[in-house]
Amino acid sequence: MKHSYTTSGTCAKMITFDKDENGIITDVEFYGGCNGNLKAISKLVNGMPADQIAKILSGNTCGNKPTSCADQLAKAVMSV
């Protein structure tokens, strides 16, 4: 099922992804932000369980911001 998540505190404004009945995440897309880095993150997490993505990426910061696009992805996949 396709989900969308509005980010907070990052250059990317939205994240969309699919999450299946087993919690597996696929088709992650970021809207805005650092294009190359976010494409790489999307490829790296493709096919991973949501809880594993959250465990790895949660708490990651960007510069002096208290969050990052990766941290927002962790929040997004656990929000549904």
PDB file of N, CA and C in Angstrom:
ATOM      1  N   MET A   1       0.835  -1.167   0.000  1.00  0.00           N
ATOM      2  CA  MET A   1       0.000   0.000   0.000  1.00  0.00           C
ATOM      3  C   MET A   1       0.888   1.240   0.000  1.00  0.00           C
ATOM      4  N   LYS A   2       0.551   2.220  -0.834  1.00  0.00           N
ATOM      5  CA  LYS A   2       1.319   3.461  -0.954  1.00  0.00           C
ATOM      6  C   LYS A   2       0.960   4.407   0.189  1.00  0.00           C
ATOM      7  N   HIS A   3       1.985   4.968   0.813  1.00  0.00           N
ATOM      8  CA  HIS A   3       1.808   5.917   1.914  1.00  0.00           C
ATOM      9  C   HIS A   3       2.590   7.188   1.595  1.00  0.00           C
ATOM     10  N   SER A   4       2.145   8.286   2.160  1.00  0.00           N
ATOM     11  CA  SER A   4       2.902   9.533   2.046  1.00  0.00           C
ATOM     12  C   SER A   4       3.064  10.129   3.430  1.00  0.00           C
ATOM     13  N   TYR A   5       4.196  10.809   3.612  1.00  0.00           N
ATOM     14  CA  TYR A   5       4.540  11.380   4.906  1.00  0.00           C
ATOM     15  C   TYR A   5       5.087  12.779   4.660  1.00  0.00           C
ATOM     16  N   THR A   6       4.506  13.767   5.304  1.00  0.00           N
ATOM     17  CA  THR A   6       4.995  15.143   5.212  1.00  0.00           C
ATOM     18  C   THR A   6       6.089  15.326   6.251  1.00  0.00           C
ATOM     19  N   THR A   7       7.265  15.681   5.778  1.00  0.00           N
ATOM     20  CA  THR A   7       8.415  15.805   6.669  1.00  0.00           C
ATOM     21  C   THR A   7       8.384  17.113   7.447  1.00  0.00           C
ATOM     22  N   SER A   8       9.235  17.198   8.445  1.00  0.00           N
ATOM     23  CA  SER A   8       9.346  18.392   9.269  1.00  0.00           C
ATOM     24  C   SER A   8      10.821  18.655   9.553  1.00  0.00           C
ATOM     25  N   GLY A   9      11.272  19.884   9.286  1.00  0.00           N
ATOM     26  CA  GLY A   9      12.632  20.273   9.625  1.00  0.00           C
ATOM     27  C   GLY A   9      13.697  19.844   8.638  1.00  0.00           C
ATOM     28  N   THR A  10      13.290  19.438   7.424  1.00  0.00           N
ATOM     29  CA  THR A  10      14.260  19.006   6.415  1.00  0.00           C
ATOM     30  C   THR A  10      13.993  19.705   5.082  1.00  0.00           C
ATOM     31  N   CYS A  11      14.959  19.613   4.202  1.00  0.00           N
ATOM     32  CA  CYS A  11      14.802  20.177   2.858  1.00  0.00           C
ATOM     33  C   CYS A  11      13.790  19.379   2.039  1.00  0.00           C
ATOM     34  N   ALA A  12      13.772  18.063   2.209  1.00  0.00           N
ATOM     35  CA  ALA A  12      12.747  17.247   1.561  1.00  0.00           C
ATOM     36  C   ALA A  12      11.409  17.568   2.230  1.00  0.00           C
ATOM     37  N   LYS A  13      10.385  17.730   1.445  1.00  0.00           N
ATOM     38  CA  LYS A  13       9.078  18.122   1.979  1.00  0.00           C
ATOM     39  C   LYS A  13       8.130  16.945   2.156  1.00  0.00           C
ATOM     40  N   MET A  14       8.373  15.859   1.416  1.00  0.00           N
ATOM     41  CA  MET A  14       7.492  14.706   1.499  1.00  0.00           C
ATOM     42  C   MET A  14       8.253  13.443   1.136  1.00  0.00           C
ATOM     43  N   ILE A  15       7.794  12.324   1.716  1.00  0.00           N
ATOM     44  CA  ILE A  15       8.335  11.002   1.400  1.00  0.00           C
ATOM     45  C   ILE A  15       7.147  10.105   1.066  1.00  0.00           C
ATOM     46  N   THR A  16       7.254   9.362  -0.032  1.00  0.00           N
ATOM     47  CA  THR A  16       6.255   8.339  -0.328  1.00  0.00           C
ATOM     48  C   THR A  16       6.948   6.986  -0.346  1.00  0.00           C
ATOM     49  N   PHE A  17       6.191   5.948  -0.019  1.00  0.00           N
ATOM     50  CA  PHE A  17       6.751   4.596   0.028  1.00  0.00           C
ATOM     51  C   PHE A  17       5.616   3.591   0.064  1.00  0.00           C
ATOM     52  N   ASP A  18       5.948   2.352  -0.263  1.00  0.00           N
ATOM     53  CA  ASP A  18       5.018   1.234  -0.120  1.00  0.00           C
ATOM     54  C   ASP A  18       5.438   0.439   1.106  1.00  0.00           C
ATOM     55  N   LYS A  19       4.434  -0.027   1.861  1.00  0.00           N
ATOM     56  CA  LYS A  19       4.669  -0.891   3.013  1.00  0.00           C
ATOM     57  C   LYS A  19       3.696  -2.050   2.911  1.00  0.00           C
ATOM     58  N   ASP A  20       4.221  -3.257   2.834  1.00  0.00           N
ATOM     59  CA  ASP A  20       3.331  -4.408   2.684  1.00  0.00           C
ATOM     60  C   ASP A  20       2.869  -4.930   4.044  1.00  0.00           C
ATOM     61  N   GLU A  21       2.063  -5.976   4.024  1.00  0.00           N
ATOM     62  CA  GLU A  21       1.483  -6.528   5.250  1.00  0.00           C
ATOM     63  C   GLU A  21       2.522  -7.108   6.209  1.00  0.00           C
ATOM     64  N   ASN A  22       3.726  -7.345   5.717  1.00  0.00           N
ATOM     65  CA  ASN A  22       4.824  -7.841   6.554  1.00  0.00           C
ATOM     66  C   ASN A  22       5.752  -6.729   7.039  1.00  0.00           C
ATOM     67  N   GLY A  23       5.416  -5.479   6.719  1.00  0.00           N
ATOM     68  CA  GLY A  23       6.234  -4.346   7.131  1.00  0.00           C
ATOM     69  C   GLY A  23       7.428  -4.074   6.242  1.00  0.00           C
ATOM     70  N   ILE A  24       7.460  -4.684   5.057  1.00  0.00           N
ATOM     71  CA  ILE A  24       8.572  -4.487   4.121  1.00  0.00           C
ATOM     72  C   ILE A  24       8.347  -3.195   3.335  1.00  0.00           C
ATOM     73  N   ILE A  25       9.387  -2.387   3.254  1.00  0.00           N
ATOM     74  CA  ILE A  25       9.326  -1.086   2.599  1.00  0.00           C
ATOM     75  C   ILE A  25       9.949  -1.164   1.203  1.00  0.00           C
ATOM     76  N   THR A  26       9.247  -0.616   0.220  1.00  0.00           N
ATOM     77  CA  THR A  26       9.745  -0.527  -1.160  1.00  0.00           C
ATOM     78  C   THR A  26       9.325   0.811  -1.755  1.00  0.00           C
ATOM     79  N   ASP A  27       9.899   1.129  -2.886  1.00  0.00           N
ATOM     80  CA  ASP A  27       9.524   2.308  -3.689  1.00  0.00           C
ATOM     81  C   ASP A  27       9.552   3.618  -2.906  1.00  0.00           C
ATOM     82  N   VAL A  28      10.628   3.845  -2.162  1.00  0.00           N
ATOM     83  CA  VAL A  28      10.783   5.084  -1.393  1.00  0.00           C
ATOM     84  C   VAL A  28      11.138   6.219  -2.347  1.00  0.00           C
ATOM     85  N   GLU A  29      10.422   7.334  -2.232  1.00  0.00           N
ATOM     86  CA  GLU A  29      10.719   8.540  -3.017  1.00  0.00           C
ATOM     87  C   GLU A  29      10.677   9.749  -2.102  1.00  0.00           C
ATOM     88  N   PHE A  30      11.707  10.579  -2.201  1.00  0.00           N
ATOM     89  CA  PHE A  30      11.770  11.844  -1.482  1.00  0.00           C
ATOM     90  C   PHE A  30      11.437  12.962  -2.459  1.00  0.00           C
ATOM     91  N   TYR A  31      10.733  13.976  -1.984  1.00  0.00           N
ATOM     92  CA  TYR A  31      10.393  15.138  -2.802  1.00  0.00           C
ATOM     93  C   TYR A  31      11.088  16.348  -2.200  1.00  0.00           C
ATOM     94  N   GLY A  32      12.106  16.835  -2.911  1.00  0.00           N
ATOM     95  CA  GLY A  32      12.971  17.887  -2.410  1.00  0.00           C
ATOM     96  C   GLY A  32      14.201  17.255  -1.778  1.00  0.00           C
ATOM     97  N   GLY A  33      15.063  18.078  -1.249  1.00  0.00           N
ATOM     98  CA  GLY A  33      16.257  17.574  -0.580  1.00  0.00           C
ATOM     99  C   GLY A  33      17.404  17.309  -1.529  1.00  0.00           C
ATOM    100  N   CYS A  34      18.416  16.639  -1.045  1.00  0.00           N
ATOM    101  CA  CYS A  34      19.640  16.342  -1.794  1.00  0.00           C
ATOM    102  C   CYS A  34      19.411  15.121  -2.685  1.00  0.00           C
ATOM    103  N   ASN A  35      19.118  15.353  -3.918  1.00  0.00           N
ATOM    104  CA  ASN A  35      18.672  14.339  -4.864  1.00  0.00           C
ATOM    105  C   ASN A  35      19.527  13.084  -4.876  1.00  0.00           C
ATOM    106  N   GLY A  36      20.811  13.208  -5.054  1.00  0.00           N
ATOM    107  CA  GLY A  36      21.688  12.039  -5.152  1.00  0.00           C
ATOM    108  C   GLY A  36      21.724  11.219  -3.881  1.00  0.00           C
ATOM    109  N   ASN A  37      21.884  11.885  -2.750  1.00  0.00           N
ATOM    110  CA  ASN A  37      21.935  11.171  -1.469  1.00  0.00           C
ATOM    111  C   ASN A  37      20.617  10.469  -1.166  1.00  0.00           C
ATOM    112  N   LEU A  38      19.513  11.129  -1.470  1.00  0.00           N
ATOM    113  CA  LEU A  38      18.219  10.536  -1.154  1.00  0.00           C
ATOM    114  C   LEU A  38      17.871   9.392  -2.096  1.00  0.00           C
ATOM    115  N   LYS A  39      18.337   9.460  -3.338  1.00  0.00           N
ATOM    116  CA  LYS A  39      18.172   8.313  -4.240  1.00  0.00           C
ATOM    117  C   LYS A  39      18.957   7.119  -3.698  1.00  0.00           C
ATOM    118  N   ALA A  40      20.138   7.382  -3.171  1.00  0.00           N
ATOM    119  CA  ALA A  40      20.969   6.308  -2.618  1.00  0.00           C
ATOM    120  C   ALA A  40      20.305   5.690  -1.393  1.00  0.00           C
ATOM    121  N   ILE A  41      19.791   6.507  -0.487  1.00  0.00           N
ATOM    122  CA  ILE A  41      19.096   5.981   0.685  1.00  0.00           C
ATOM    123  C   ILE A  41      17.919   5.115   0.252  1.00  0.00           C
ATOM    124  N   SER A  42      17.165   5.593  -0.723  1.00  0.00           N
ATOM    125  CA  SER A  42      16.005   4.842  -1.224  1.00  0.00           C
ATOM    126  C   SER A  42      16.408   3.469  -1.734  1.00  0.00           C
ATOM    127  N   LYS A  43      17.511   3.394  -2.461  1.00  0.00           N
ATOM    128  CA  LYS A  43      17.991   2.106  -2.981  1.00  0.00           C
ATOM    129  C   LYS A  43      18.472   1.206  -1.851  1.00  0.00           C
ATOM    130  N   LEU A  44      19.140   1.777  -0.868  1.00  0.00           N
ATOM    131  CA  LEU A  44      19.696   0.981   0.226  1.00  0.00           C
ATOM    132  C   LEU A  44      18.625   0.364   1.119  1.00  0.00           C
ATOM    133  N   VAL A  45      17.515   1.069   1.312  1.00  0.00           N
ATOM    134  CA  VAL A  45      16.479   0.557   2.209  1.00  0.00           C
ATOM    135  C   VAL A  45      15.429  -0.275   1.481  1.00  0.00           C
ATOM    136  N   ASN A  46      15.461  -0.308   0.168  1.00  0.00           N
ATOM    137  CA  ASN A  46      14.455  -1.045  -0.593  1.00  0.00           C
ATOM    138  C   ASN A  46      14.439  -2.526  -0.194  1.00  0.00           C
ATOM    139  N   GLY A  47      13.279  -3.006   0.211  1.00  0.00           N
ATOM    140  CA  GLY A  47      13.125  -4.398   0.603  1.00  0.00           C
ATOM    141  C   GLY A  47      13.404  -4.691   2.065  1.00  0.00           C
ATOM    142  N   MET A  48      13.725  -3.652   2.844  1.00  0.00           N
ATOM    143  CA  MET A  48      14.020  -3.840   4.265  1.00  0.00           C
ATOM    144  C   MET A  48      12.743  -3.719   5.100  1.00  0.00           C
ATOM    145  N   PRO A  49      12.696  -4.392   6.248  1.00  0.00           N
ATOM    146  CA  PRO A  49      11.578  -4.212   7.175  1.00  0.00           C
ATOM    147  C   PRO A  49      11.603  -2.806   7.785  1.00  0.00           C
ATOM    148  N   ALA A  50      10.432  -2.248   8.016  1.00  0.00           N
ATOM    149  CA  ALA A  50      10.324  -0.898   8.573  1.00  0.00           C
ATOM    150  C   ALA A  50      11.077  -0.753   9.887  1.00  0.00           C
ATOM    151  N   ASP A  51      10.988  -1.755  10.769  1.00  0.00           N
ATOM    152  CA  ASP A  51      11.651  -1.639  12.066  1.00  0.00           C
ATOM    153  C   ASP A  51      13.170  -1.618  11.942  1.00  0.00           C
ATOM    154  N   GLN A  52      13.706  -2.292  10.943  1.00  0.00           N
ATOM    155  CA  GLN A  52      15.153  -2.269  10.723  1.00  0.00           C
ATOM    156  C   GLN A  52      15.581  -0.902  10.189  1.00  0.00           C
ATOM    157  N   ILE A  53      14.792  -0.336   9.277  1.00  0.00           N
ATOM    158  CA  ILE A  53      15.077   1.009   8.760  1.00  0.00           C
ATOM    159  C   ILE A  53      15.076   2.002   9.915  1.00  0.00           C
ATOM    160  N   ALA A  54      14.066   1.929  10.776  1.00  0.00           N
ATOM    161  CA  ALA A  54      13.974   2.844  11.916  1.00  0.00           C
ATOM    162  C   ALA A  54      15.161   2.673  12.854  1.00  0.00           C
ATOM    163  N   LYS A  55      15.563   1.444  13.102  1.00  0.00           N
ATOM    164  CA  LYS A  55      16.693   1.170  14.008  1.00  0.00           C
ATOM    165  C   LYS A  55      17.987   1.789  13.477  1.00  0.00           C
ATOM    166  N   ILE A  56      18.195   1.702  12.173  1.00  0.00           N
ATOM    167  CA  ILE A  56      19.423   2.207  11.562  1.00  0.00           C
ATOM    168  C   ILE A  56      19.428   3.726  11.422  1.00  0.00           C
ATOM    169  N   LEU A  57      18.302   4.310  11.006  1.00  0.00           N
ATOM    170  CA  LEU A  57      18.282   5.722  10.617  1.00  0.00           C
ATOM    171  C   LEU A  57      17.759   6.684  11.678  1.00  0.00           C
ATOM    172  N   SER A  58      17.042   6.185  12.660  1.00  0.00           N
ATOM    173  CA  SER A  58      16.459   7.056  13.677  1.00  0.00           C
ATOM    174  C   SER A  58      17.539   7.818  14.437  1.00  0.00           C
ATOM    175  N   GLY A  59      17.308   9.107  14.604  1.00  0.00           N
ATOM    176  CA  GLY A  59      18.247   9.943  15.348  1.00  0.00           C
ATOM    177  C   GLY A  59      19.359  10.551  14.514  1.00  0.00           C
ATOM    178  N   ASN A  60      19.438  10.185  13.238  1.00  0.00           N
ATOM    179  CA  ASN A  60      20.454  10.761  12.356  1.00  0.00           C
ATOM    180  C   ASN A  60      20.141  12.252  12.153  1.00  0.00           C
ATOM    181  N   THR A  61      21.142  13.103  12.301  1.00  0.00           N
ATOM    182  CA  THR A  61      20.922  14.546  12.139  1.00  0.00           C
ATOM    183  C   THR A  61      21.636  15.076  10.899  1.00  0.00           C
ATOM    184  N   CYS A  62      21.266  16.284  10.520  1.00  0.00           N
ATOM    185  CA  CYS A  62      21.864  16.951   9.356  1.00  0.00           C
ATOM    186  C   CYS A  62      22.370  18.321   9.797  1.00  0.00           C
ATOM    187  N   GLY A  63      23.681  18.486   9.767  1.00  0.00           N
ATOM    188  CA  GLY A  63      24.254  19.758  10.215  1.00  0.00           C
ATOM    189  C   GLY A  63      23.839  20.047  11.647  1.00  0.00           C
ATOM    190  N   ASN A  64      23.349  21.264  11.884  1.00  0.00           N
ATOM    191  CA  ASN A  64      22.921  21.633  13.236  1.00  0.00           C
ATOM    192  C   ASN A  64      21.425  21.405  13.458  1.00  0.00           C
ATOM    193  N   LYS A  65      20.754  20.749  12.507  1.00  0.00           N
ATOM    194  CA  LYS A  65      19.326  20.449  12.643  1.00  0.00           C
ATOM    195  C   LYS A  65      19.153  19.237  13.555  1.00  0.00           C
ATOM    196  N   PRO A  66      18.043  19.181  14.280  1.00  0.00           N
ATOM    197  CA  PRO A  66      17.811  18.034  15.169  1.00  0.00           C
ATOM    198  C   PRO A  66      17.286  16.788  14.447  1.00  0.00           C
ATOM    199  N   THR A  67      17.135  16.865  13.138  1.00  0.00           N
ATOM    200  CA  THR A  67      16.627  15.758  12.340  1.00  0.00           C
ATOM    201  C   THR A  67      17.344  15.734  10.996  1.00  0.00           C
ATOM    202  N   SER A  68      16.971  14.815  10.145  1.00  0.00           N
ATOM    203  CA  SER A  68      17.513  14.724   8.794  1.00  0.00           C
ATOM    204  C   SER A  68      16.486  14.004   7.931  1.00  0.00           C
ATOM    205  N   CYS A  69      16.733  13.944   6.648  1.00  0.00           N
ATOM    206  CA  CYS A  69      15.833  13.198   5.764  1.00  0.00           C
ATOM    207  C   CYS A  69      15.818  11.723   6.148  1.00  0.00           C
ATOM    208  N   ALA A  70      16.952  11.176   6.542  1.00  0.00           N
ATOM    209  CA  ALA A  70      17.018   9.778   6.966  1.00  0.00           C
ATOM    210  C   ALA A  70      16.200   9.569   8.237  1.00  0.00           C
ATOM    211  N   ASP A  71      16.330  10.471   9.196  1.00  0.00           N
ATOM    212  CA  ASP A  71      15.551  10.397  10.431  1.00  0.00           C
ATOM    213  C   ASP A  71      14.062  10.511  10.133  1.00  0.00           C
ATOM    214  N   GLN A  72      13.707  11.387   9.202  1.00  0.00           N
ATOM    215  CA  GLN A  72      12.313  11.539   8.818  1.00  0.00           C
ATOM    216  C   GLN A  72      11.785  10.271   8.134  1.00  0.00           C
ATOM    217  N   LEU A  73      12.630   9.591   7.367  1.00  0.00           N
ATOM    218  CA  LEU A  73      12.225   8.321   6.772  1.00  0.00           C
ATOM    219  C   LEU A  73      11.941   7.286   7.865  1.00  0.00           C
ATOM    220  N   ALA A  74      12.785   7.242   8.881  1.00  0.00           N
ATOM    221  CA  ALA A  74      12.556   6.337  10.013  1.00  0.00           C
ATOM    222  C   ALA A  74      11.195   6.601  10.647  1.00  0.00           C
ATOM    223  N   LYS A  75      10.887   7.868  10.869  1.00  0.00           N
ATOM    224  CA  LYS A  75       9.592   8.244  11.444  1.00  0.00           C
ATOM    225  C   LYS A  75       8.449   7.865  10.495  1.00  0.00           C
ATOM    226  N   ALA A  76       8.663   8.092   9.209  1.00  0.00           N
ATOM    227  CA  ALA A  76       7.620   7.824   8.211  1.00  0.00           C
ATOM    228  C   ALA A  76       7.241   6.348   8.161  1.00  0.00           C
ATOM    229  N   VAL A  77       8.236   5.479   8.090  1.00  0.00           N
ATOM    230  CA  VAL A  77       7.927   4.058   7.936  1.00  0.00           C
ATOM    231  C   VAL A  77       7.292   3.465   9.194  1.00  0.00           C
ATOM    232  N   MET A  78       7.535   4.074  10.336  1.00  0.00           N
ATOM    233  CA  MET A  78       6.927   3.581  11.567  1.00  0.00           C
ATOM    234  C   MET A  78       5.583   4.240  11.847  1.00  0.00           C
ATOM    235  N   SER A  79       5.216   5.257  11.084  1.00  0.00           N
ATOM    236  CA  SER A  79       3.963   5.988  11.335  1.00  0.00           C
ATOM    237  C   SER A  79       2.739   5.256  10.807  1.00  0.00           C
ATOM    238  N   VAL A  80       2.941   4.236   9.984  1.00  0.00           N
ATOM    239  CA  VAL A  80       1.791   3.509   9.412  1.00  0.00           C
ATOM    240  C   VAL A  80       1.881   2.024   9.713  1.00  0.00           C
TER     241      VAL A  80
END
